[in-house]
Amino acid sequence: NLLRYLVQHRPRLKVLLTSARPPEDFEDWASHLINLQVMHLGTLSEAEARQLVEHPTQDFQLSYTPDAIRQVIRLSGCHPFLLQLLCYEIVLLKNSQPLPERHTARLEDVEASVAPALSSGQFFFEDLQTQGIDALGRSMLQRIATAGEDATVPAADFLPARSETAVEQLRLMMQRELLKEVEPGSYRFHIELVRRWFSKS
């Protein structure tokens, strides 16, 4: 009620609410959010992701080999938070290395930063696996995750037959962009870092 009052009576004030949940989850709030404009925020473009990785600040001293930058983009899926998370761990790693090795991030540095990123981003990943996803959904995600990197898994391999609950969980995973349908009836993870989290959890 307070936010609605501020929006209606303070024209110079803007309120931005963010949520991983879709608008339909807030139907009970419809009367309060009547003048809300819904916007979907997706991932960055590859060019934007490269800019963020290679030039996060002016005079950034760390450069990436072509293989390393491709791997950062592939692992993060150009997701802004995951880009920041992975690059933060890469910078920490490079700062711990001998001075002559510090200025160039290589493919092995990116891979060495994955485990620390999964650990330090724990709350983000735990939120992914709990918001609306039940134990059945988590087991479905783990089955797909353990199929391996870039694996496309037929629904028959992870979807319990004639289970309405499982179908609803799959719909939710697609809506939350955890999974994508690569070809009719076959799915894979949208983002490799997320797949790695579910494969280890």
N, C-alpha and C. Protein backbone atom coordinates (compact mmCIF):
# COMPACT_ATOMS: atom_id res chain seq x y z
N ASN A 1 0.83 -1.21 0.00
CA ASN A 1 0.00 0.00 0.00
C ASN A 1 0.87 1.26 0.00
N LEU A 2 1.93 1.23 0.78
CA LEU A 2 2.84 2.38 0.84
C LEU A 2 3.48 2.62 -0.53
N LEU A 3 3.96 1.54 -1.17
CA LEU A 3 4.58 1.70 -2.49
C LEU A 3 3.57 2.23 -3.51
N ARG A 4 2.35 1.71 -3.47
CA ARG A 4 1.33 2.18 -4.41
C ARG A 4 1.05 3.67 -4.19
N TYR A 5 0.97 4.07 -2.92
CA TYR A 5 0.74 5.48 -2.58
C TYR A 5 1.88 6.35 -3.14
N LEU A 6 3.12 5.91 -2.94
CA LEU A 6 4.26 6.69 -3.41
C LEU A 6 4.25 6.83 -4.92
N VAL A 7 3.95 5.74 -5.62
CA VAL A 7 3.92 5.78 -7.08
C VAL A 7 2.83 6.73 -7.57
N GLN A 8 1.67 6.72 -6.92
CA GLN A 8 0.54 7.53 -7.38
C GLN A 8 0.68 9.00 -7.01
N HIS A 9 1.33 9.30 -5.89
CA HIS A 9 1.32 10.68 -5.38
C HIS A 9 2.69 11.36 -5.36
N ARG A 10 3.72 10.66 -5.79
CA ARG A 10 5.06 11.27 -5.86
C ARG A 10 5.59 11.06 -7.27
N PRO A 11 5.17 11.94 -8.22
CA PRO A 11 5.50 11.71 -9.63
C PRO A 11 7.00 11.69 -9.93
N ARG A 12 7.82 12.28 -9.07
CA ARG A 12 9.27 12.28 -9.33
C ARG A 12 9.94 11.00 -8.82
N LEU A 13 9.19 10.16 -8.16
CA LEU A 13 9.75 8.94 -7.59
C LEU A 13 9.35 7.73 -8.45
N LYS A 14 10.32 6.89 -8.76
CA LYS A 14 10.05 5.65 -9.49
C LYS A 14 10.41 4.49 -8.58
N VAL A 15 9.61 3.44 -8.61
CA VAL A 15 9.86 2.24 -7.80
C VAL A 15 10.13 1.09 -8.75
N LEU A 16 11.24 0.40 -8.52
CA LEU A 16 11.60 -0.76 -9.35
C LEU A 16 11.59 -1.99 -8.46
N LEU A 17 10.71 -2.93 -8.76
CA LEU A 17 10.65 -4.20 -8.05
C LEU A 17 11.22 -5.27 -8.95
N THR A 18 12.05 -6.13 -8.42
CA THR A 18 12.59 -7.21 -9.23
C THR A 18 12.24 -8.55 -8.61
N SER A 19 12.06 -9.54 -9.47
CA SER A 19 11.72 -10.87 -8.99
C SER A 19 12.08 -11.90 -10.04
N ALA A 20 12.49 -13.07 -9.57
CA ALA A 20 12.71 -14.19 -10.49
C ALA A 20 11.39 -14.85 -10.83
N ARG A 21 10.34 -14.50 -10.11
CA ARG A 21 9.04 -15.14 -10.35
C ARG A 21 8.28 -14.42 -11.46
N PRO A 22 7.46 -15.15 -12.20
CA PRO A 22 6.69 -14.54 -13.29
C PRO A 22 5.53 -13.73 -12.72
N PRO A 23 5.00 -12.77 -13.50
CA PRO A 23 3.91 -11.91 -13.02
C PRO A 23 2.68 -12.68 -12.52
N GLU A 24 2.39 -13.83 -13.13
CA GLU A 24 1.19 -14.58 -12.70
C GLU A 24 1.29 -15.08 -11.26
N ASP A 25 2.51 -15.16 -10.73
CA ASP A 25 2.65 -15.56 -9.32
C ASP A 25 2.17 -14.48 -8.36
N PHE A 26 1.91 -13.29 -8.89
CA PHE A 26 1.52 -12.17 -8.04
C PHE A 26 0.06 -11.76 -8.25
N GLU A 27 -0.77 -12.70 -8.69
CA GLU A 27 -2.18 -12.38 -8.97
C GLU A 27 -2.89 -11.84 -7.73
N ASP A 28 -2.51 -12.33 -6.54
CA ASP A 28 -3.15 -11.84 -5.32
C ASP A 28 -2.82 -10.38 -5.05
N TRP A 29 -1.78 -9.90 -5.68
CA TRP A 29 -1.36 -8.51 -5.47
C TRP A 29 -1.87 -7.59 -6.58
N ALA A 30 -2.69 -8.12 -7.49
CA ALA A 30 -3.08 -7.36 -8.68
C ALA A 30 -3.66 -5.99 -8.35
N SER A 31 -4.48 -5.91 -7.32
CA SER A 31 -5.10 -4.62 -6.99
C SER A 31 -4.07 -3.61 -6.48
N HIS A 32 -2.97 -4.11 -5.92
CA HIS A 32 -1.92 -3.20 -5.42
C HIS A 32 -0.95 -2.79 -6.53
N LEU A 33 -0.81 -3.64 -7.53
CA LEU A 33 0.19 -3.41 -8.58
C LEU A 33 -0.46 -2.96 -9.88
N ILE A 34 -1.59 -2.27 -9.76
CA ILE A 34 -2.41 -1.97 -10.93
C ILE A 34 -1.68 -1.12 -11.97
N ASN A 35 -0.79 -0.20 -11.53
CA ASN A 35 -0.07 0.60 -12.52
C ASN A 35 1.38 0.15 -12.68
N LEU A 36 1.60 -1.12 -12.56
CA LEU A 36 2.93 -1.68 -12.71
C LEU A 36 3.17 -2.06 -14.16
N GLN A 37 4.35 -1.74 -14.67
CA GLN A 37 4.74 -2.16 -16.01
C GLN A 37 5.72 -3.31 -15.87
N VAL A 38 5.43 -4.45 -16.52
CA VAL A 38 6.27 -5.64 -16.40
C VAL A 38 7.29 -5.65 -17.54
N MET A 39 8.54 -5.85 -17.18
CA MET A 39 9.61 -5.94 -18.17
C MET A 39 10.40 -7.22 -17.90
N HIS A 40 10.74 -7.93 -18.95
CA HIS A 40 11.57 -9.12 -18.80
C HIS A 40 13.03 -8.72 -19.01
N LEU A 41 13.86 -9.04 -18.04
CA LEU A 41 15.29 -8.77 -18.16
C LEU A 41 15.99 -10.09 -18.47
N GLY A 42 16.56 -10.18 -19.63
CA GLY A 42 17.24 -11.41 -20.02
C GLY A 42 18.75 -11.29 -19.87
N THR A 43 19.46 -12.11 -20.60
CA THR A 43 20.91 -12.10 -20.54
C THR A 43 21.46 -10.98 -21.42
N LEU A 44 22.75 -10.71 -21.26
CA LEU A 44 23.43 -9.73 -22.11
C LEU A 44 23.67 -10.33 -23.48
N SER A 45 23.89 -9.47 -24.46
CA SER A 45 24.35 -9.97 -25.76
C SER A 45 25.80 -10.40 -25.60
N GLU A 46 26.30 -11.16 -26.56
CA GLU A 46 27.70 -11.61 -26.46
C GLU A 46 28.65 -10.42 -26.48
N ALA A 47 28.34 -9.40 -27.29
CA ALA A 47 29.20 -8.21 -27.34
C ALA A 47 29.20 -7.48 -25.99
N GLU A 48 28.02 -7.37 -25.37
CA GLU A 48 27.95 -6.73 -24.05
C GLU A 48 28.70 -7.54 -23.00
N ALA A 49 28.59 -8.85 -23.09
CA ALA A 49 29.30 -9.72 -22.13
C ALA A 49 30.81 -9.56 -22.29
N ARG A 50 31.29 -9.53 -23.53
CA ARG A 50 32.73 -9.34 -23.76
C ARG A 50 33.20 -8.00 -23.19
N GLN A 51 32.41 -6.98 -23.41
CA GLN A 51 32.76 -5.65 -22.89
C GLN A 51 32.88 -5.68 -21.37
N LEU A 52 31.91 -6.33 -20.71
CA LEU A 52 31.92 -6.42 -19.25
C LEU A 52 33.12 -7.21 -18.74
N VAL A 53 33.46 -8.28 -19.42
CA VAL A 53 34.58 -9.13 -18.99
C VAL A 53 35.91 -8.46 -19.23
N GLU A 54 36.09 -7.91 -20.43
CA GLU A 54 37.40 -7.38 -20.81
C GLU A 54 37.65 -5.96 -20.33
N HIS A 55 36.57 -5.19 -20.14
CA HIS A 55 36.74 -3.78 -19.74
C HIS A 55 35.75 -3.40 -18.63
N PRO A 56 35.80 -4.07 -17.48
CA PRO A 56 34.85 -3.73 -16.41
C PRO A 56 35.11 -2.36 -15.82
N THR A 57 36.34 -1.89 -15.90
CA THR A 57 36.71 -0.55 -15.44
C THR A 57 37.70 0.03 -16.43
N GLN A 58 37.93 1.33 -16.34
CA GLN A 58 38.95 1.95 -17.17
C GLN A 58 40.32 1.42 -16.76
N ASP A 59 41.20 1.26 -17.72
CA ASP A 59 42.57 0.83 -17.46
C ASP A 59 42.62 -0.52 -16.74
N PHE A 60 41.69 -1.41 -17.07
CA PHE A 60 41.69 -2.76 -16.47
C PHE A 60 42.94 -3.49 -16.95
N GLN A 61 43.69 -4.07 -16.04
CA GLN A 61 45.02 -4.61 -16.35
C GLN A 61 45.02 -6.08 -16.79
N LEU A 62 43.89 -6.76 -16.69
CA LEU A 62 43.86 -8.19 -17.01
C LEU A 62 43.31 -8.39 -18.42
N SER A 63 44.03 -9.15 -19.23
CA SER A 63 43.52 -9.51 -20.55
C SER A 63 43.22 -11.01 -20.57
N TYR A 64 42.41 -11.42 -21.53
CA TYR A 64 41.98 -12.82 -21.66
C TYR A 64 42.44 -13.35 -23.01
N THR A 65 42.89 -14.59 -23.03
CA THR A 65 43.17 -15.23 -24.31
C THR A 65 41.82 -15.49 -25.00
N PRO A 66 41.80 -15.65 -26.32
CA PRO A 66 40.52 -15.92 -27.01
C PRO A 66 39.78 -17.14 -26.44
N ASP A 67 40.51 -18.22 -26.14
CA ASP A 67 39.88 -19.41 -25.56
C ASP A 67 39.26 -19.11 -24.20
N ALA A 68 39.95 -18.30 -23.41
CA ALA A 68 39.47 -17.98 -22.06
C ALA A 68 38.18 -17.15 -22.13
N ILE A 69 38.15 -16.15 -22.98
CA ILE A 69 36.95 -15.30 -23.07
C ILE A 69 35.77 -16.10 -23.60
N ARG A 70 36.03 -16.98 -24.57
CA ARG A 70 34.95 -17.84 -25.09
C ARG A 70 34.39 -18.73 -23.98
N GLN A 71 35.27 -19.25 -23.14
CA GLN A 71 34.83 -20.14 -22.07
C GLN A 71 34.04 -19.39 -20.99
N VAL A 72 34.46 -18.18 -20.67
CA VAL A 72 33.71 -17.37 -19.70
C VAL A 72 32.30 -17.13 -20.21
N ILE A 73 32.18 -16.78 -21.48
CA ILE A 73 30.86 -16.51 -22.07
C ILE A 73 30.03 -17.79 -22.13
N ARG A 74 30.66 -18.89 -22.50
CA ARG A 74 29.94 -20.16 -22.59
C ARG A 74 29.46 -20.63 -21.22
N LEU A 75 30.33 -20.57 -20.23
CA LEU A 75 29.97 -21.03 -18.89
C LEU A 75 28.86 -20.19 -18.27
N SER A 76 28.93 -18.88 -18.47
CA SER A 76 27.98 -17.96 -17.83
C SER A 76 26.70 -17.79 -18.62
N GLY A 77 26.71 -18.17 -19.90
CA GLY A 77 25.54 -17.95 -20.73
C GLY A 77 25.20 -16.47 -20.88
N CYS A 78 26.18 -15.58 -20.65
CA CYS A 78 26.01 -14.12 -20.71
C CYS A 78 25.06 -13.60 -19.63
N HIS A 79 24.85 -14.40 -18.59
CA HIS A 79 24.02 -13.96 -17.46
C HIS A 79 24.83 -12.96 -16.65
N PRO A 80 24.31 -11.74 -16.42
CA PRO A 80 25.14 -10.70 -15.78
C PRO A 80 25.72 -11.11 -14.43
N PHE A 81 24.91 -11.69 -13.56
CA PHE A 81 25.43 -12.06 -12.25
C PHE A 81 26.51 -13.13 -12.38
N LEU A 82 26.28 -14.13 -13.22
CA LEU A 82 27.24 -15.22 -13.35
C LEU A 82 28.53 -14.76 -14.01
N LEU A 83 28.45 -13.81 -14.93
CA LEU A 83 29.66 -13.20 -15.49
C LEU A 83 30.48 -12.54 -14.39
N GLN A 84 29.79 -11.73 -13.56
CA GLN A 84 30.49 -11.02 -12.47
C GLN A 84 31.09 -12.02 -11.49
N LEU A 85 30.32 -13.04 -11.15
CA LEU A 85 30.76 -14.04 -10.18
C LEU A 85 32.02 -14.76 -10.67
N LEU A 86 31.99 -15.24 -11.91
CA LEU A 86 33.11 -15.99 -12.44
C LEU A 86 34.34 -15.09 -12.61
N CYS A 87 34.13 -13.88 -13.13
CA CYS A 87 35.26 -12.97 -13.34
C CYS A 87 35.88 -12.53 -12.02
N TYR A 88 35.06 -12.37 -11.00
CA TYR A 88 35.60 -12.03 -9.67
C TYR A 88 36.56 -13.12 -9.20
N GLU A 89 36.16 -14.37 -9.38
CA GLU A 89 37.02 -15.48 -8.95
C GLU A 89 38.28 -15.58 -9.81
N ILE A 90 38.15 -15.25 -11.10
CA ILE A 90 39.33 -15.26 -11.97
C ILE A 90 40.33 -14.19 -11.50
N VAL A 91 39.83 -13.00 -11.19
CA VAL A 91 40.72 -11.92 -10.72
C VAL A 91 41.39 -12.31 -9.41
N LEU A 92 40.64 -12.91 -8.48
CA LEU A 92 41.25 -13.38 -7.23
C LEU A 92 42.36 -14.37 -7.50
N LEU A 93 42.10 -15.31 -8.41
CA LEU A 93 43.09 -16.33 -8.74
C LEU A 93 44.33 -15.68 -9.35
N LYS A 94 44.13 -14.78 -10.31
CA LYS A 94 45.27 -14.14 -10.97
C LYS A 94 46.09 -13.32 -9.97
N ASN A 95 45.42 -12.67 -9.03
CA ASN A 95 46.14 -11.86 -8.03
C ASN A 95 46.99 -12.72 -7.10
N SER A 96 46.68 -14.00 -7.01
CA SER A 96 47.45 -14.90 -6.14
C SER A 96 48.65 -15.52 -6.86
N GLN A 97 48.74 -15.32 -8.17
CA GLN A 97 49.80 -15.94 -8.95
C GLN A 97 51.06 -15.07 -8.99
N PRO A 98 52.19 -15.65 -9.35
CA PRO A 98 53.42 -14.85 -9.48
C PRO A 98 53.21 -13.70 -10.47
N LEU A 99 53.87 -12.60 -10.23
CA LEU A 99 53.67 -11.37 -11.00
C LEU A 99 53.72 -11.56 -12.52
N PRO A 100 54.66 -12.32 -13.07
CA PRO A 100 54.70 -12.46 -14.53
C PRO A 100 53.46 -13.14 -15.13
N GLU A 101 52.69 -13.88 -14.31
CA GLU A 101 51.52 -14.62 -14.82
C GLU A 101 50.21 -13.87 -14.60
N ARG A 102 50.25 -12.75 -13.93
CA ARG A 102 49.02 -12.10 -13.46
C ARG A 102 48.21 -11.38 -14.52
N HIS A 103 48.82 -11.02 -15.63
CA HIS A 103 48.13 -10.09 -16.54
C HIS A 103 47.36 -10.76 -17.67
N THR A 104 47.44 -12.08 -17.77
CA THR A 104 46.69 -12.78 -18.83
C THR A 104 45.93 -13.96 -18.23
N ALA A 105 44.61 -13.96 -18.42
CA ALA A 105 43.78 -15.09 -17.98
C ALA A 105 43.70 -16.11 -19.12
N ARG A 106 44.02 -17.35 -18.79
CA ARG A 106 44.02 -18.43 -19.77
C ARG A 106 42.87 -19.39 -19.49
N LEU A 107 42.65 -20.31 -20.41
CA LEU A 107 41.56 -21.27 -20.27
C LEU A 107 41.65 -22.02 -18.95
N GLU A 108 42.85 -22.43 -18.54
CA GLU A 108 43.00 -23.17 -17.29
C GLU A 108 42.65 -22.31 -16.07
N ASP A 109 42.85 -20.98 -16.17
CA ASP A 109 42.46 -20.09 -15.08
C ASP A 109 40.94 -20.02 -14.95
N VAL A 110 40.27 -19.99 -16.10
CA VAL A 110 38.80 -19.96 -16.09
C VAL A 110 38.27 -21.23 -15.43
N GLU A 111 38.78 -22.39 -15.86
CA GLU A 111 38.30 -23.65 -15.29
C GLU A 111 38.63 -23.77 -13.80
N ALA A 112 39.80 -23.26 -13.40
CA ALA A 112 40.18 -23.30 -11.98
C ALA A 112 39.30 -22.40 -11.14
N SER A 113 38.62 -21.45 -11.76
CA SER A 113 37.76 -20.50 -11.03
C SER A 113 36.33 -20.97 -10.90
N VAL A 114 35.98 -22.06 -11.59
CA VAL A 114 34.59 -22.52 -11.57
C VAL A 114 34.17 -23.00 -10.19
N ALA A 115 34.96 -23.88 -9.57
CA ALA A 115 34.59 -24.40 -8.25
C ALA A 115 34.45 -23.29 -7.21
N PRO A 116 35.40 -22.34 -7.12
CA PRO A 116 35.21 -21.23 -6.18
C PRO A 116 33.96 -20.39 -6.49
N ALA A 117 33.65 -20.23 -7.79
CA ALA A 117 32.45 -19.46 -8.16
C ALA A 117 31.18 -20.18 -7.71
N LEU A 118 31.14 -21.49 -7.89
CA LEU A 118 29.97 -22.26 -7.44
C LEU A 118 29.82 -22.17 -5.93
N SER A 119 30.94 -22.11 -5.23
CA SER A 119 30.89 -22.02 -3.77
C SER A 119 30.48 -20.62 -3.31
N SER A 120 31.11 -19.58 -3.87
CA SER A 120 30.79 -18.22 -3.41
C SER A 120 29.43 -17.75 -3.91
N GLY A 121 28.93 -18.37 -4.99
CA GLY A 121 27.59 -18.03 -5.49
C GLY A 121 26.51 -18.95 -4.96
N GLN A 122 26.80 -19.62 -3.87
CA GLN A 122 25.92 -20.64 -3.31
C GLN A 122 24.48 -20.17 -3.13
N PHE A 123 24.28 -18.96 -2.60
CA PHE A 123 22.92 -18.49 -2.33
C PHE A 123 22.13 -18.29 -3.63
N PHE A 124 22.80 -17.83 -4.67
CA PHE A 124 22.14 -17.68 -5.97
C PHE A 124 21.67 -19.04 -6.48
N PHE A 125 22.56 -20.04 -6.44
CA PHE A 125 22.22 -21.36 -6.96
C PHE A 125 21.18 -22.06 -6.08
N GLU A 126 21.27 -21.89 -4.78
CA GLU A 126 20.27 -22.50 -3.90
C GLU A 126 18.90 -21.90 -4.14
N ASP A 127 18.87 -20.60 -4.41
CA ASP A 127 17.59 -19.95 -4.72
C ASP A 127 17.00 -20.52 -6.00
N LEU A 128 17.86 -20.78 -7.00
CA LEU A 128 17.39 -21.39 -8.25
C LEU A 128 16.70 -22.72 -8.00
N GLN A 129 17.25 -23.51 -7.09
CA GLN A 129 16.73 -24.87 -6.91
C GLN A 129 15.60 -24.95 -5.89
N THR A 130 15.24 -23.83 -5.28
CA THR A 130 14.14 -23.88 -4.30
C THR A 130 12.92 -23.08 -4.71
N GLN A 131 13.10 -22.02 -5.49
CA GLN A 131 11.95 -21.18 -5.83
C GLN A 131 10.97 -21.91 -6.74
N GLY A 132 9.99 -22.52 -6.14
CA GLY A 132 8.94 -23.19 -6.91
C GLY A 132 9.30 -24.58 -7.39
N ILE A 133 10.56 -24.97 -7.25
CA ILE A 133 10.98 -26.29 -7.71
C ILE A 133 10.98 -27.24 -6.53
N ASP A 134 10.24 -28.33 -6.65
CA ASP A 134 10.12 -29.27 -5.54
C ASP A 134 11.16 -30.39 -5.69
N ALA A 135 11.09 -31.38 -4.80
CA ALA A 135 12.07 -32.47 -4.80
C ALA A 135 12.05 -33.23 -6.13
N LEU A 136 10.87 -33.43 -6.70
CA LEU A 136 10.77 -34.11 -7.99
C LEU A 136 11.47 -33.29 -9.07
N GLY A 137 11.22 -31.99 -9.09
CA GLY A 137 11.86 -31.11 -10.06
C GLY A 137 13.37 -31.12 -9.93
N ARG A 138 13.86 -31.10 -8.69
CA ARG A 138 15.30 -31.12 -8.47
C ARG A 138 15.92 -32.44 -8.97
N SER A 139 15.21 -33.54 -8.75
CA SER A 139 15.74 -34.83 -9.23
C SER A 139 15.75 -34.86 -10.76
N MET A 140 14.75 -34.24 -11.39
CA MET A 140 14.73 -34.16 -12.85
C MET A 140 15.92 -33.34 -13.36
N LEU A 141 16.18 -32.22 -12.71
CA LEU A 141 17.30 -31.37 -13.11
C LEU A 141 18.63 -32.10 -12.92
N GLN A 142 18.75 -32.85 -11.82
CA GLN A 142 19.99 -33.57 -11.58
C GLN A 142 20.21 -34.66 -12.63
N ARG A 143 19.14 -35.31 -13.07
CA ARG A 143 19.28 -36.33 -14.11
C ARG A 143 19.79 -35.72 -15.41
N ILE A 144 19.26 -34.55 -15.76
CA ILE A 144 19.72 -33.88 -16.98
C ILE A 144 21.16 -33.41 -16.79
N ALA A 145 21.46 -32.86 -15.61
CA ALA A 145 22.81 -32.33 -15.35
C ALA A 145 23.88 -33.40 -15.44
N THR A 146 23.57 -34.58 -14.93
CA THR A 146 24.58 -35.64 -14.91
C THR A 146 24.79 -36.27 -16.29
N ALA A 147 23.96 -35.91 -17.26
CA ALA A 147 24.18 -36.41 -18.63
C ALA A 147 25.43 -35.79 -19.24
N GLY A 148 25.89 -34.66 -18.68
CA GLY A 148 27.16 -34.07 -19.12
C GLY A 148 26.99 -32.76 -19.85
N GLU A 149 28.13 -32.16 -20.11
CA GLU A 149 28.20 -30.86 -20.75
C GLU A 149 27.60 -30.91 -22.16
N ASP A 150 26.73 -29.94 -22.44
CA ASP A 150 26.08 -29.82 -23.76
C ASP A 150 25.19 -31.00 -24.12
N ALA A 151 24.89 -31.86 -23.13
CA ALA A 151 24.05 -33.02 -23.42
C ALA A 151 22.59 -32.59 -23.61
N THR A 152 21.96 -33.16 -24.62
CA THR A 152 20.54 -32.97 -24.86
C THR A 152 19.84 -34.25 -24.42
N VAL A 153 18.87 -34.12 -23.52
CA VAL A 153 18.26 -35.29 -22.90
C VAL A 153 16.79 -35.39 -23.30
N PRO A 154 16.37 -36.53 -23.86
CA PRO A 154 14.95 -36.71 -24.19
C PRO A 154 14.10 -36.69 -22.91
N ALA A 155 12.92 -36.12 -23.01
CA ALA A 155 12.04 -36.03 -21.84
C ALA A 155 11.76 -37.40 -21.25
N ALA A 156 11.70 -38.42 -22.08
CA ALA A 156 11.41 -39.77 -21.58
C ALA A 156 12.47 -40.25 -20.58
N ASP A 157 13.68 -39.67 -20.65
CA ASP A 157 14.76 -40.10 -19.75
C ASP A 157 14.68 -39.49 -18.36
N PHE A 158 13.90 -38.41 -18.22
CA PHE A 158 13.85 -37.77 -16.90
C PHE A 158 12.44 -37.43 -16.43
N LEU A 159 11.46 -37.53 -17.30
CA LEU A 159 10.10 -37.13 -16.97
C LEU A 159 9.27 -38.36 -16.62
N PRO A 160 8.84 -38.48 -15.36
CA PRO A 160 8.00 -39.64 -14.99
C PRO A 160 6.75 -39.70 -15.86
N ALA A 161 6.43 -40.87 -16.33
CA ALA A 161 5.28 -41.03 -17.24
C ALA A 161 3.99 -40.60 -16.56
N ARG A 162 3.18 -39.85 -17.32
CA ARG A 162 1.84 -39.42 -16.90
C ARG A 162 1.83 -38.71 -15.54
N SER A 163 2.86 -37.99 -15.23
CA SER A 163 2.90 -37.24 -13.98
C SER A 163 2.62 -35.76 -14.27
N GLU A 164 1.44 -35.30 -13.86
CA GLU A 164 1.09 -33.90 -14.07
C GLU A 164 2.03 -32.98 -13.30
N THR A 165 2.44 -33.44 -12.11
CA THR A 165 3.35 -32.63 -11.30
C THR A 165 4.67 -32.44 -12.02
N ALA A 166 5.20 -33.50 -12.63
CA ALA A 166 6.47 -33.41 -13.35
C ALA A 166 6.35 -32.49 -14.56
N VAL A 167 5.24 -32.57 -15.27
CA VAL A 167 5.01 -31.71 -16.43
C VAL A 167 4.96 -30.25 -15.98
N GLU A 168 4.30 -29.99 -14.85
CA GLU A 168 4.24 -28.63 -14.32
C GLU A 168 5.63 -28.15 -13.91
N GLN A 169 6.42 -29.03 -13.31
CA GLN A 169 7.79 -28.66 -12.93
C GLN A 169 8.62 -28.34 -14.18
N LEU A 170 8.46 -29.12 -15.24
CA LEU A 170 9.18 -28.86 -16.48
C LEU A 170 8.78 -27.51 -17.05
N ARG A 171 7.48 -27.19 -17.02
CA ARG A 171 7.01 -25.89 -17.50
C ARG A 171 7.67 -24.76 -16.71
N LEU A 172 7.75 -24.94 -15.39
CA LEU A 172 8.36 -23.92 -14.53
C LEU A 172 9.86 -23.76 -14.84
N MET A 173 10.55 -24.87 -15.08
CA MET A 173 11.98 -24.81 -15.40
C MET A 173 12.22 -24.07 -16.72
N MET A 174 11.32 -24.28 -17.68
CA MET A 174 11.43 -23.58 -18.95
C MET A 174 11.15 -22.09 -18.75
N GLN A 175 10.13 -21.79 -17.97
CA GLN A 175 9.75 -20.41 -17.71
C GLN A 175 10.87 -19.65 -16.99
N ARG A 176 11.54 -20.34 -16.08
CA ARG A 176 12.62 -19.71 -15.33
C ARG A 176 13.96 -19.78 -16.06
N GLU A 177 13.93 -20.29 -17.29
CA GLU A 177 15.09 -20.35 -18.17
C GLU A 177 16.23 -21.19 -17.59
N LEU A 178 15.86 -22.22 -16.84
CA LEU A 178 16.85 -23.19 -16.40
C LEU A 178 17.14 -24.17 -17.54
N LEU A 179 16.09 -24.56 -18.24
CA LEU A 179 16.20 -25.51 -19.35
C LEU A 179 15.72 -24.85 -20.63
N LYS A 180 16.17 -25.39 -21.75
CA LYS A 180 15.62 -24.99 -23.04
C LYS A 180 15.35 -26.24 -23.86
N GLU A 181 14.32 -26.17 -24.67
CA GLU A 181 13.98 -27.30 -25.55
C GLU A 181 14.79 -27.13 -26.82
N VAL A 182 15.73 -28.03 -27.03
CA VAL A 182 16.64 -27.92 -28.17
C VAL A 182 15.98 -28.45 -29.44
N GLU A 183 15.27 -29.53 -29.30
CA GLU A 183 14.46 -30.08 -30.39
C GLU A 183 13.21 -30.64 -29.72
N PRO A 184 12.14 -30.89 -30.45
CA PRO A 184 10.91 -31.32 -29.80
C PRO A 184 11.12 -32.51 -28.87
N GLY A 185 10.80 -32.30 -27.59
CA GLY A 185 10.89 -33.37 -26.61
C GLY A 185 12.26 -33.62 -26.03
N SER A 186 13.26 -32.79 -26.36
CA SER A 186 14.61 -32.95 -25.82
C SER A 186 15.10 -31.63 -25.23
N TYR A 187 15.76 -31.73 -24.08
CA TYR A 187 16.08 -30.54 -23.30
C TYR A 187 17.55 -30.52 -22.88
N ARG A 188 18.03 -29.30 -22.63
CA ARG A 188 19.36 -29.13 -22.07
C ARG A 188 19.35 -27.88 -21.19
N PHE A 189 20.37 -27.75 -20.37
CA PHE A 189 20.47 -26.57 -19.51
C PHE A 189 20.76 -25.33 -20.35
N HIS A 190 20.17 -24.24 -19.93
CA HIS A 190 20.41 -22.95 -20.57
C HIS A 190 21.84 -22.49 -20.33
N ILE A 191 22.33 -22.69 -19.10
CA ILE A 191 23.62 -22.14 -18.68
C ILE A 191 24.48 -23.25 -18.08
N GLU A 192 25.71 -23.36 -18.57
CA GLU A 192 26.60 -24.44 -18.14
C GLU A 192 26.95 -24.35 -16.65
N LEU A 193 27.15 -23.16 -16.10
CA LEU A 193 27.45 -23.06 -14.67
C LEU A 193 26.29 -23.60 -13.83
N VAL A 194 25.08 -23.37 -14.25
CA VAL A 194 23.90 -23.88 -13.53
C VAL A 194 23.88 -25.40 -13.64
N ARG A 195 24.19 -25.93 -14.82
CA ARG A 195 24.24 -27.40 -14.96
C ARG A 195 25.28 -27.99 -14.02
N ARG A 196 26.43 -27.34 -13.92
CA ARG A 196 27.48 -27.86 -13.05
C ARG A 196 27.05 -27.83 -11.59
N TRP A 197 26.29 -26.80 -11.21
CA TRP A 197 25.78 -26.75 -9.83
C TRP A 197 24.89 -27.95 -9.56
N PHE A 198 23.94 -28.22 -10.47
CA PHE A 198 23.00 -29.32 -10.25
C PHE A 198 23.70 -30.67 -10.35
N SER A 199 24.76 -30.77 -11.14
CA SER A 199 25.45 -32.05 -11.25
C SER A 199 26.22 -32.37 -9.97
N LYS A 200 26.61 -31.36 -9.22
CA LYS A 200 27.36 -31.61 -7.98
C LYS A 200 26.48 -31.60 -6.74
N SER A 201 25.27 -31.03 -6.85
CA SER A 201 24.44 -30.88 -5.65
C SER A 201 23.64 -32.13 -5.35
